[in-house]
C-alpha atoms as a PDB file:
ATOM      1  CA  MET A   1     -28.987  11.591  11.354  1.00  0.00           C
ATOM      2  CA  MET A   2     -27.368   8.224  12.244  1.00  0.00           C
ATOM      3  CA  LEU A   3     -30.668   6.219  12.208  1.00  0.00           C
ATOM      4  CA  LYS A   4     -31.437   7.648   8.799  1.00  0.00           C
ATOM      5  CA  ASN A   5     -28.096   6.402   7.383  1.00  0.00           C
ATOM      6  CA  PHE A   6     -28.666   3.141   9.029  1.00  0.00           C
ATOM      7  CA  PHE A   7     -31.800   2.515   6.746  1.00  0.00           C
ATOM      8  CA  LYS A   8     -30.330   4.201   3.709  1.00  0.00           C
ATOM      9  CA  LYS A   9     -30.560   1.731   0.870  1.00  0.00           C
ATOM     10  CA  LYS A  10     -27.070   0.610  -0.318  1.00  0.00           C
ATOM     11  CA  LYS A  11     -25.993   1.339  -4.261  1.00  0.00           C
ATOM     12  CA  VAL A  12     -22.985   0.629  -6.235  1.00  0.00           C
ATOM     13  CA  PRO A  13     -20.022   2.983  -6.042  1.00  0.00           C
ATOM     14  CA  LYS A  14     -20.380   6.213  -8.401  1.00  0.00           C
ATOM     15  CA  LYS A  15     -16.552   6.831  -7.839  1.00  0.00           C
ATOM     16  CA  PHE A  16     -13.512   5.130  -6.121  1.00  0.00           C
ATOM     17  CA  ILE A  17     -10.539   6.367  -4.434  1.00  0.00           C
ATOM     18  CA  PHE A  18      -7.558   4.014  -3.783  1.00  0.00           C
ATOM     19  CA  VAL A  19      -4.647   4.631  -1.472  1.00  0.00           C
ATOM     20  CA  VAL A  20      -1.526   2.017  -2.017  1.00  0.00           C
ATOM     21  CA  GLY A  21       2.254   1.834  -1.173  1.00  0.00           C
ATOM     22  CA  SER A  22       4.700  -0.471   0.053  1.00  0.00           C
ATOM     23  CA  GLY A  23       2.690  -1.201   3.375  1.00  0.00           C
ATOM     24  CA  ARG A  24       3.958   0.512   6.731  1.00  0.00           C
ATOM     25  CA  CYS A  25       3.538   3.796   4.719  1.00  0.00           C
ATOM     26  CA  GLY A  26       0.334   5.638   6.128  1.00  0.00           C
ATOM     27  CA  THR A  27      -2.608   3.542   4.549  1.00  0.00           C
ATOM     28  CA  PHE A  28      -4.227   3.000   7.862  1.00  0.00           C
ATOM     29  CA  PHE A  29      -3.834   6.615   8.478  1.00  0.00           C
ATOM     30  CA  PHE A  30      -5.785   7.562   5.711  1.00  0.00           C
ATOM     31  CA  LYS A  31      -8.481   5.206   6.180  1.00  0.00           C
ATOM     32  CA  GLU A  32      -8.627   6.991   9.524  1.00  0.00           C
ATOM     33  CA  LEU A  33      -8.559  10.478   8.096  1.00  0.00           C
ATOM     34  CA  PHE A  34     -11.507   9.970   5.680  1.00  0.00           C
ATOM     35  CA  LYS A  35     -13.759   7.220   7.697  1.00  0.00           C
ATOM     36  CA  ASN A  36     -16.125   9.654   9.043  1.00  0.00           C
ATOM     37  CA  ASN A  37     -16.385  11.738   6.026  1.00  0.00           C
ATOM     38  CA  SER A  38     -20.387  12.238   4.377  1.00  0.00           C
ATOM     39  CA  LEU A  39     -19.391  10.820   1.072  1.00  0.00           C
ATOM     40  CA  THR A  40     -16.694   8.400   1.532  1.00  0.00           C
ATOM     41  CA  GLU A  41     -17.277   4.468   2.331  1.00  0.00           C
ATOM     42  CA  THR A  42     -13.616   3.437   3.565  1.00  0.00           C
ATOM     43  CA  TYR A  43     -11.984   0.375   3.972  1.00  0.00           C
ATOM     44  CA  HIS A  44      -8.234  -0.642   5.016  1.00  0.00           C
ATOM     45  CA  GLU A  45      -7.323  -3.682   3.140  1.00  0.00           C
ATOM     46  CA  ARG A  46     -10.675  -5.112   2.703  1.00  0.00           C
ATOM     47  CA  ASN A  47     -10.831  -8.487   1.297  1.00  0.00           C
ATOM     48  CA  ASN A  48      -7.001  -8.967   1.755  1.00  0.00           C
ATOM     49  CA  LEU A  49      -6.623 -12.825   0.650  1.00  0.00           C
ATOM     50  CA  LEU A  50      -8.053 -11.774  -2.824  1.00  0.00           C
ATOM     51  CA  THR A  51      -6.172  -8.330  -3.580  1.00  0.00           C
ATOM     52  CA  SER A  52      -3.013 -10.013  -2.389  1.00  0.00           C
ATOM     53  CA  PHE A  53      -3.452 -13.035  -4.447  1.00  0.00           C
ATOM     54  CA  TYR A  54      -3.949 -10.877  -7.630  1.00  0.00           C
ATOM     55  CA  GLN A  55      -0.967  -8.681  -6.384  1.00  0.00           C
ATOM     56  CA  PHE A  56       0.913 -11.962  -6.343  1.00  0.00           C
ATOM     57  CA  ALA A  57      -0.206 -13.183  -9.873  1.00  0.00           C
ATOM     58  CA  LYS A  58       0.755  -9.825 -10.991  1.00  0.00           C
ATOM     59  CA  PHE A  59       4.442 -10.335  -9.857  1.00  0.00           C
ATOM     60  CA  ASN A  60       4.647 -13.657 -11.067  1.00  0.00           C
ATOM     61  CA  ASN A  61       3.274 -13.007 -14.472  1.00  0.00           C
ATOM     62  CA  PHE A  62       0.448 -15.502 -13.988  1.00  0.00           C
ATOM     63  CA  LYS A  63      -2.464 -15.674 -16.550  1.00  0.00           C
ATOM     64  CA  VAL A  64      -5.609 -14.774 -14.835  1.00  0.00           C
ATOM     65  CA  ASN A  65      -8.692 -13.200 -15.132  1.00  0.00           C
ATOM     66  CA  TYR A  66      -8.531  -9.816 -13.679  1.00  0.00           C
ATOM     67  CA  GLU A  67     -12.209  -8.989 -14.455  1.00  0.00           C
ATOM     68  CA  TYR A  68     -13.212 -11.003 -10.918  1.00  0.00           C
ATOM     69  CA  LEU A  69     -10.780  -8.526  -9.234  1.00  0.00           C
ATOM     70  CA  ILE A  70     -12.566  -5.551 -10.569  1.00  0.00           C
ATOM     71  CA  ASN A  71     -15.984  -6.918 -10.198  1.00  0.00           C
ATOM     72  CA  SER A  72     -14.910  -7.168  -6.550  1.00  0.00           C
ATOM     73  CA  PHE A  73     -15.318  -3.562  -6.363  1.00  0.00           C
ATOM     74  CA  LYS A  74     -17.695  -2.792  -9.336  1.00  0.00           C
ATOM     75  CA  ASN A  75     -20.358  -4.848  -7.607  1.00  0.00           C
ATOM     76  CA  VAL A  76     -19.986  -4.052  -4.106  1.00  0.00           C
ATOM     77  CA  LYS A  77     -22.735  -1.882  -2.374  1.00  0.00           C
ATOM     78  CA  ILE A  78     -22.598   0.966  -0.151  1.00  0.00           C
ATOM     79  CA  LYS A  79     -24.358   3.346   1.426  1.00  0.00           C
ATOM     80  CA  LYS A  80     -22.447   6.487   0.357  1.00  0.00           C
ATOM     81  CA  LYS A  81     -21.288   7.660  -2.785  1.00  0.00           C
ATOM     82  CA  ILE A  82     -17.878   7.191  -3.261  1.00  0.00           C
ATOM     83  CA  TYR A  83     -15.943   3.573  -2.307  1.00  0.00           C
ATOM     84  CA  PHE A  84     -12.571   4.359  -0.716  1.00  0.00           C
ATOM     85  CA  GLU A  85      -9.968   1.787   0.200  1.00  0.00           C
ATOM     86  CA  ALA A  86      -6.425   2.162   1.390  1.00  0.00           C
ATOM     87  CA  SER A  87      -4.356  -1.101   0.821  1.00  0.00           C
ATOM     88  CA  SER A  88      -1.187  -1.966  -0.219  1.00  0.00           C
ATOM     89  CA  TYR A  89      -2.019  -5.124  -1.734  1.00  0.00           C
ATOM     90  CA  LEU A  90      -3.558  -2.916  -4.708  1.00  0.00           C
ATOM     91  CA  SER A  91      -0.380  -1.716  -5.573  1.00  0.00           C
ATOM     92  CA  LEU A  92       0.425  -3.733  -8.577  1.00  0.00           C
ATOM     93  CA  ASN A  93      -2.865  -3.470 -10.228  1.00  0.00           C
ATOM     94  CA  ILE A  94      -3.283   0.179 -10.181  1.00  0.00           C
ATOM     95  CA  PHE A  95      -3.301   0.229 -14.159  1.00  0.00           C
ATOM     96  CA  ASN A  96      -5.842  -2.530 -14.381  1.00  0.00           C
ATOM     97  CA  ILE A  97      -8.208  -0.655 -11.920  1.00  0.00           C
ATOM     98  CA  SER A  98      -8.068   2.649 -13.347  1.00  0.00           C
ATOM     99  CA  LYS A  99      -8.563   1.273 -16.966  1.00  0.00           C
ATOM    100  CA  SER A 100     -12.062  -0.178 -15.835  1.00  0.00           C
ATOM    101  CA  LEU A 101     -13.337   2.140 -12.812  1.00  0.00           C
ATOM    102  CA  ASN A 102     -13.925   5.714 -12.269  1.00  0.00           C
ATOM    103  CA  CYS A 103     -11.297   6.281  -9.783  1.00  0.00           C
ATOM    104  CA  LYS A 104      -8.237   8.413  -8.316  1.00  0.00           C
ATOM    105  CA  ILE A 105      -5.293   6.755  -6.956  1.00  0.00           C
ATOM    106  CA  VAL A 106      -3.175   8.230  -3.979  1.00  0.00           C
ATOM    107  CA  VAL A 107       0.590   6.705  -3.533  1.00  0.00           C
ATOM    108  CA  LEU A 108       1.796   6.836  -0.273  1.00  0.00           C
ATOM    109  CA  PHE A 109       5.437   7.021   0.403  1.00  0.00           C
ATOM    110  CA  ARG A 110       8.026   7.943   3.485  1.00  0.00           C
ATOM    111  CA  ASP A 111      11.432   7.443   4.255  1.00  0.00           C
ATOM    112  CA  PRO A 112      12.787   4.018   3.058  1.00  0.00           C
ATOM    113  CA  LEU A 113      14.686   3.500   6.198  1.00  0.00           C
ATOM    114  CA  LYS A 114      11.658   3.989   8.305  1.00  0.00           C
ATOM    115  CA  THR A 115       9.437   2.112   6.249  1.00  0.00           C
ATOM    116  CA  CYS A 116      11.809  -0.958   5.821  1.00  0.00           C
ATOM    117  CA  LYS A 117      12.550  -0.861   9.631  1.00  0.00           C
ATOM    118  CA  SER A 118       8.749  -1.059  10.462  1.00  0.00           C
ATOM    119  CA  LEU A 119       8.510  -4.006   8.035  1.00  0.00           C
ATOM    120  CA  GLN A 120      11.375  -5.821   9.525  1.00  0.00           C
ATOM    121  CA  ALA A 121       9.789  -5.224  13.220  1.00  0.00           C
ATOM    122  CA  LYS A 122       6.623  -7.054  11.333  1.00  0.00           C
ATOM    123  CA  GLY A 123       8.852  -9.954  10.577  1.00  0.00           C
ATOM    124  CA  TRP A 124       9.294  -9.516   6.907  1.00  0.00           C
ATOM    125  CA  TYR A 125      11.831 -12.014   5.452  1.00  0.00           C
ATOM    126  CA  ASN A 126      12.961 -13.697   9.127  1.00  0.00           C
ATOM    127  CA  GLU A 127      15.221 -16.086   9.336  1.00  0.00           C
ATOM    128  CA  ALA A 128      12.408 -18.609  10.419  1.00  0.00           C
ATOM    129  CA  ASP A 129      11.156 -18.109   6.359  1.00  0.00           C
ATOM    130  CA  LEU A 130      14.713 -18.247   5.138  1.00  0.00           C
ATOM    131  CA  LYS A 131      14.793 -22.109   5.393  1.00  0.00           C
ATOM    132  CA  ASN A 132      11.612 -22.360   3.219  1.00  0.00           C
ATOM    133  CA  TYR A 133      13.322 -20.683   0.169  1.00  0.00           C
ATOM    134  CA  SER A 134      14.261 -22.744  -2.635  1.00  0.00           C
ATOM    135  CA  LYS A 135      16.917 -21.651  -5.434  1.00  0.00           C
ATOM    136  CA  LYS A 136      14.940 -23.524  -8.286  1.00  0.00           C
ATOM    137  CA  ASN A 137      11.331 -23.415  -7.265  1.00  0.00           C
ATOM    138  CA  ASN A 138      10.844 -19.886  -5.401  1.00  0.00           C
ATOM    139  CA  ILE A 139       7.598 -18.025  -6.665  1.00  0.00           C
ATOM    140  CA  GLY A 140       6.565 -16.793  -3.202  1.00  0.00           C
ATOM    141  CA  CYS A 141       7.449 -16.582   0.605  1.00  0.00           C
ATOM    142  CA  HIS A 142       6.454 -19.303   2.613  1.00  0.00           C
ATOM    143  CA  THR A 143       5.461 -18.212   5.909  1.00  0.00           C
ATOM    144  CA  ASP A 144       3.851 -19.850   9.146  1.00  0.00           C
ATOM    145  CA  SER A 145       1.385 -16.696   9.284  1.00  0.00           C
ATOM    146  CA  GLY A 146      -1.624 -18.650  10.447  1.00  0.00           C
ATOM    147  CA  ILE A 147      -4.986 -16.712   9.930  1.00  0.00           C
ATOM    148  CA  TYR A 148      -2.668 -14.094   7.988  1.00  0.00           C
ATOM    149  CA  PHE A 149      -2.228 -16.513   4.824  1.00  0.00           C
ATOM    150  CA  HIS A 150      -2.443 -13.423   2.575  1.00  0.00           C
ATOM    151  CA  HIS A 151       1.123 -12.597   3.711  1.00  0.00           C
ATOM    152  CA  ASN A 152       2.370 -15.450   1.617  1.00  0.00           C
ATOM    153  CA  PHE A 153       1.118 -13.472  -1.368  1.00  0.00           C
ATOM    154  CA  SER A 154       2.395 -10.235  -0.179  1.00  0.00           C
ATOM    155  CA  ARG A 155       5.913 -11.015   0.350  1.00  0.00           C
ATOM    156  CA  PHE A 156       7.530 -11.377  -3.073  1.00  0.00           C
ATOM    157  CA  ILE A 157      11.037 -12.993  -3.656  1.00  0.00           C
ATOM    158  CA  PRO A 158      12.932 -12.179  -6.550  1.00  0.00           C
ATOM    159  CA  VAL A 159      13.970 -14.779  -9.050  1.00  0.00           C
ATOM    160  CA  ASP A 160      17.158 -16.256 -10.960  1.00  0.00           C
ATOM    161  CA  LYS A 161      19.958 -14.047 -10.461  1.00  0.00           C
ATOM    162  CA  GLU A 162      18.544 -11.467  -8.401  1.00  0.00           C
ATOM    163  CA  TYR A 163      17.628 -14.206  -5.969  1.00  0.00           C
ATOM    164  CA  LEU A 164      21.366 -14.915  -5.608  1.00  0.00           C
ATOM    165  CA  LYS A 165      22.069 -11.633  -4.973  1.00  0.00           C
ATOM    166  CA  TRP A 166      19.193 -10.858  -2.405  1.00  0.00           C
ATOM    167  CA  ILE A 167      19.737 -13.917  -0.366  1.00  0.00           C
ATOM    168  CA  ASN A 168      22.907 -13.014   0.896  1.00  0.00           C
ATOM    169  CA  LEU A 169      21.889  -9.637   1.934  1.00  0.00           C
ATOM    170  CA  PRO A 170      21.027  -8.375   5.294  1.00  0.00           C
ATOM    171  CA  GLN A 171      17.075  -8.819   6.505  1.00  0.00           C
ATOM    172  CA  ILE A 172      16.904  -5.009   5.966  1.00  0.00           C
ATOM    173  CA  VAL A 173      18.379  -4.948   2.747  1.00  0.00           C
ATOM    174  CA  LYS A 174      15.990  -7.644   1.159  1.00  0.00           C
ATOM    175  CA  ILE A 175      13.040  -5.525   2.369  1.00  0.00           C
ATOM    176  CA  LYS A 176      14.676  -2.477   0.851  1.00  0.00           C
ATOM    177  CA  TRP A 177      14.601  -4.357  -2.491  1.00  0.00           C
ATOM    178  CA  PHE A 178      10.653  -5.417  -1.792  1.00  0.00           C
ATOM    179  CA  TRP A 179      10.281  -1.262  -1.195  1.00  0.00           C
ATOM    180  CA  ASN A 180      12.258  -0.478  -4.349  1.00  0.00           C
ATOM    181  CA  TYR A 181      10.107  -2.931  -6.863  1.00  0.00           C
ATOM    182  CA  ILE A 182       6.713  -1.647  -5.334  1.00  0.00           C
ATOM    183  CA  TYR A 183       7.573   1.865  -5.923  1.00  0.00           C
ATOM    184  CA  LYS A 184       9.596   1.581  -9.235  1.00  0.00           C
ATOM    185  CA  PHE A 185       6.226  -0.391 -10.441  1.00  0.00           C
ATOM    186  CA  LEU A 186       4.037   2.639  -9.205  1.00  0.00           C
ATOM    187  CA  ILE A 187       6.233   5.153 -10.760  1.00  0.00           C
ATOM    188  CA  ASN A 188       6.339   3.498 -14.171  1.00  0.00           C
ATOM    189  CA  GLU A 189       2.401   2.826 -14.263  1.00  0.00           C
ATOM    190  CA  GLY A 190       1.474   6.389 -12.814  1.00  0.00           C
ATOM    191  CA  LYS A 191       2.975   7.430 -16.189  1.00  0.00           C
ATOM    192  CA  LYS A 192       0.184   5.510 -18.201  1.00  0.00           C
ATOM    193  CA  LEU A 193      -2.467   7.552 -16.133  1.00  0.00           C
ATOM    194  CA  SER A 194      -3.367  11.199 -16.672  1.00  0.00           C
ATOM    195  CA  LYS A 195      -1.967  13.360 -14.028  1.00  0.00           C
ATOM    196  CA  ASN A 196      -5.466  14.367 -12.735  1.00  0.00           C
ATOM    197  CA  LYS A 197      -6.002  10.455 -11.770  1.00  0.00           C
ATOM    198  CA  ILE A 198      -2.722   9.773  -9.414  1.00  0.00           C
ATOM    199  CA  ARG A 199      -0.901  11.459  -6.978  1.00  0.00           C
ATOM    200  CA  PHE A 200       2.225  10.843  -5.110  1.00  0.00           C
ATOM    201  CA  ILE A 201       2.056  11.849  -1.197  1.00  0.00           C
ATOM    202  CA  ASN A 202       5.174  11.848   0.908  1.00  0.00           C
ATOM    203  CA  ILE A 203       3.218  11.047   4.342  1.00  0.00           C
ATOM    204  CA  ASP A 204       6.237  12.387   6.311  1.00  0.00           C
ATOM    205  CA  LYS A 205       5.418  16.101   4.920  1.00  0.00           C
ATOM    206  CA  PHE A 206       1.603  15.535   5.135  1.00  0.00           C
ATOM    207  CA  ASP A 207      -0.307  18.439   6.766  1.00  0.00           C
ATOM    208  CA  TYR A 208      -3.501  19.598   7.299  1.00  0.00           C
ATOM    209  CA  TYR A 209      -3.327  22.037   4.418  1.00  0.00           C
ATOM    210  CA  LYS A 210      -2.470  19.031   2.045  1.00  0.00           C
ATOM    211  CA  TYR A 211      -5.201  17.086   3.512  1.00  0.00           C
ATOM    212  CA  LEU A 212      -7.868  19.984   2.647  1.00  0.00           C
ATOM    213  CA  ASP A 213      -6.339  20.256  -0.752  1.00  0.00           C
ATOM    214  CA  LEU A 214      -6.594  16.402  -1.317  1.00  0.00           C
ATOM    215  CA  CYS A 215     -10.306  16.612  -0.162  1.00  0.00           C
ATOM    216  CA  ASN A 216     -10.978  19.163  -2.894  1.00  0.00           C
ATOM    217  CA  TRP A 217      -9.251  16.711  -5.201  1.00  0.00           C
ATOM    218  CA  PHE A 218     -11.393  13.816  -4.189  1.00  0.00           C
ATOM    219  CA  GLY A 219     -14.614  15.979  -4.381  1.00  0.00           C
ATOM    220  CA  CYS A 220     -15.419  15.581  -0.993  1.00  0.00           C
ATOM    221  CA  LYS A 221     -16.011  18.409   1.743  1.00  0.00           C
ATOM    222  CA  PRO A 222     -13.285  17.857   4.745  1.00  0.00           C
ATOM    223  CA  HIS A 223     -14.981  16.798   8.033  1.00  0.00           C
ATOM    224  CA  LEU A 224     -12.036  17.742   9.950  1.00  0.00           C
ATOM    225  CA  ASP A 225     -10.567  20.872  11.757  1.00  0.00           C
ATOM    226  CA  ILE A 226      -7.016  20.848  12.167  1.00  0.00           C
ATOM    227  CA  TYR A 227      -7.192  19.868  16.007  1.00  0.00           C
ATOM    228  CA  ASN A 228      -8.946  16.477  15.012  1.00  0.00           C
ATOM    229  CA  PHE A 229      -6.574  16.068  12.022  1.00  0.00           C
ATOM    230  CA  LYS A 230      -3.365  16.412  14.352  1.00  0.00           C
ATOM    231  CA  LYS A 231      -5.209  13.932  16.860  1.00  0.00           C
ATOM    232  CA  ILE A 232      -5.512  11.269  14.317  1.00  0.00           C
ATOM    233  CA  SER A 233      -1.957  12.067  12.970  1.00  0.00           C
ATOM    234  CA  LYS A 234      -0.338  11.725  16.246  1.00  0.00           C
ATOM    235  CA  PHE A 235      -2.175   8.248  17.042  1.00  0.00           C
ATOM    236  CA  SER A 236      -1.757   6.778  13.528  1.00  0.00           C
ATOM    237  CA  LEU A 237       1.774   7.855  12.772  1.00  0.00           C
ATOM    238  CA  ASN A 238       2.924   6.692  16.189  1.00  0.00           C
ATOM    239  CA  LYS A 239       1.418   3.271  15.501  1.00  0.00           C
ATOM    240  CA  ILE A 240       3.516   3.065  12.043  1.00  0.00           C
ATOM    241  CA  ASN A 241       6.906   3.904  14.399  1.00  0.00           C
ATOM    242  CA  LYS A 242       6.110   1.966  17.524  1.00  0.00           C
ATOM    243  CA  LYS A 243       8.152  -0.592  17.054  1.00  0.00           C
ATOM    244  CA  LYS A 244      12.158   0.531  16.720  1.00  0.00           C
ATOM    245  CA  LEU A 245      15.140  -1.659  15.507  1.00  0.00           C
ATOM    246  CA  THR A 246      19.015  -0.873  15.846  1.00  0.00           C
ATOM    247  CA  ILE A 247      20.611  -1.547  12.399  1.00  0.00           C
ATOM    248  CA  LYS A 248      24.316  -2.265  11.884  1.00  0.00           C
ATOM    249  CA  LYS A 249      26.523   0.222  10.224  1.00  0.00           C
ATOM    250  CA  SER A 250      27.783  -2.419   7.983  1.00  0.00           C
ATOM    251  CA  GLU A 251      24.143  -2.964   6.911  1.00  0.00           C
ATOM    252  CA  LEU A 252      23.061   0.895   6.791  1.00  0.00           C
ATOM    253  CA  LYS A 253      25.831   0.946   4.387  1.00  0.00           C
ATOM    254  CA  LYS A 254      24.640  -1.939   2.112  1.00  0.00           C
ATOM    255  CA  PHE A 255      21.108  -0.524   2.493  1.00  0.00           C
ATOM    256  CA  TYR A 256      22.165   2.919   1.211  1.00  0.00           C
ATOM    257  CA  ASN A 257      24.161   1.264  -1.651  1.00  0.00           C
ATOM    258  CA  ASN A 258      21.588  -1.027  -3.165  1.00  0.00           C
ATOM    259  CA  TYR A 259      18.105  -0.715  -4.759  1.00  0.00           C
ATOM    260  CA  LYS A 260      18.130   2.989  -5.190  1.00  0.00           C
ATOM    261  CA  PHE A 261      15.998   3.697  -8.250  1.00  0.00           C
ATOM    262  CA  SER A 262      12.797   4.760  -6.366  1.00  0.00           C
ATOM    263  CA  GLU A 263      14.459   6.365  -3.394  1.00  0.00           C
ATOM    264  CA  LYS A 264      16.091   8.761  -6.182  1.00  0.00           C
ATOM    265  CA  LYS A 265      13.221   9.245  -8.283  1.00  0.00           C
ATOM    266  CA  LEU A 266      10.250   9.672  -5.393  1.00  0.00           C
ATOM    267  CA  PHE A 267      12.259  12.490  -3.415  1.00  0.00           C
ATOM    268  CA  LYS A 268      12.093  14.618  -6.595  1.00  0.00           C
ATOM    269  CA  ILE A 269       8.448  14.262  -7.074  1.00  0.00           C
END
């Protein structure tokens, strides 16, 4: 069977599945869940420099041709029927993508404090980067990321009055601004799509039976039994939580008192 798949001719995908969110929300977990499915050719953040740039362009309202982004999916050749990509770098372009491709979209979210602490552990908006921010000319984050240059496109910076407020907030609250922005955008864009095209999923409550339901929605037969589902869940979700931070009470208070729109909306979905 493996030899047969090796020599199988590649074709353009018939269907697409995109899994998006804020980052540190379970996209890698979903890639692991579906990577061995017989119908899905699965990726995590494929072509991250391209997709993060187009996300950066959307955030900053740059006039760019989105056809190149669409064609990077439309013209890709795969061995299986369904192209599956989990990537937070696609979050701001789900509407553009869905207009052009036969796709379904999953928006993953989880407890905002857990997510933001995980992003802080990854270095988001740290002191070393703060010195590069400018009040006058500040369209993006400037990080010393080396081979991870796409971080310069993915870590947005607010502008004008919002920037003046944001720059004086604790690091964890700066990150919540980003978290709130991404999900506010996704909530509003999701309203433009038909209900059978998009689902919001709380990763903290995602279990085997929801996995089975999702497979049915995707149109692919589930290949995991409950034992292997739990095995992947334990490994992948522990990876998200592996770095723990202690946040001061004064910072927590500001965290809960700022940027509350998405938090209120998501946990009613």
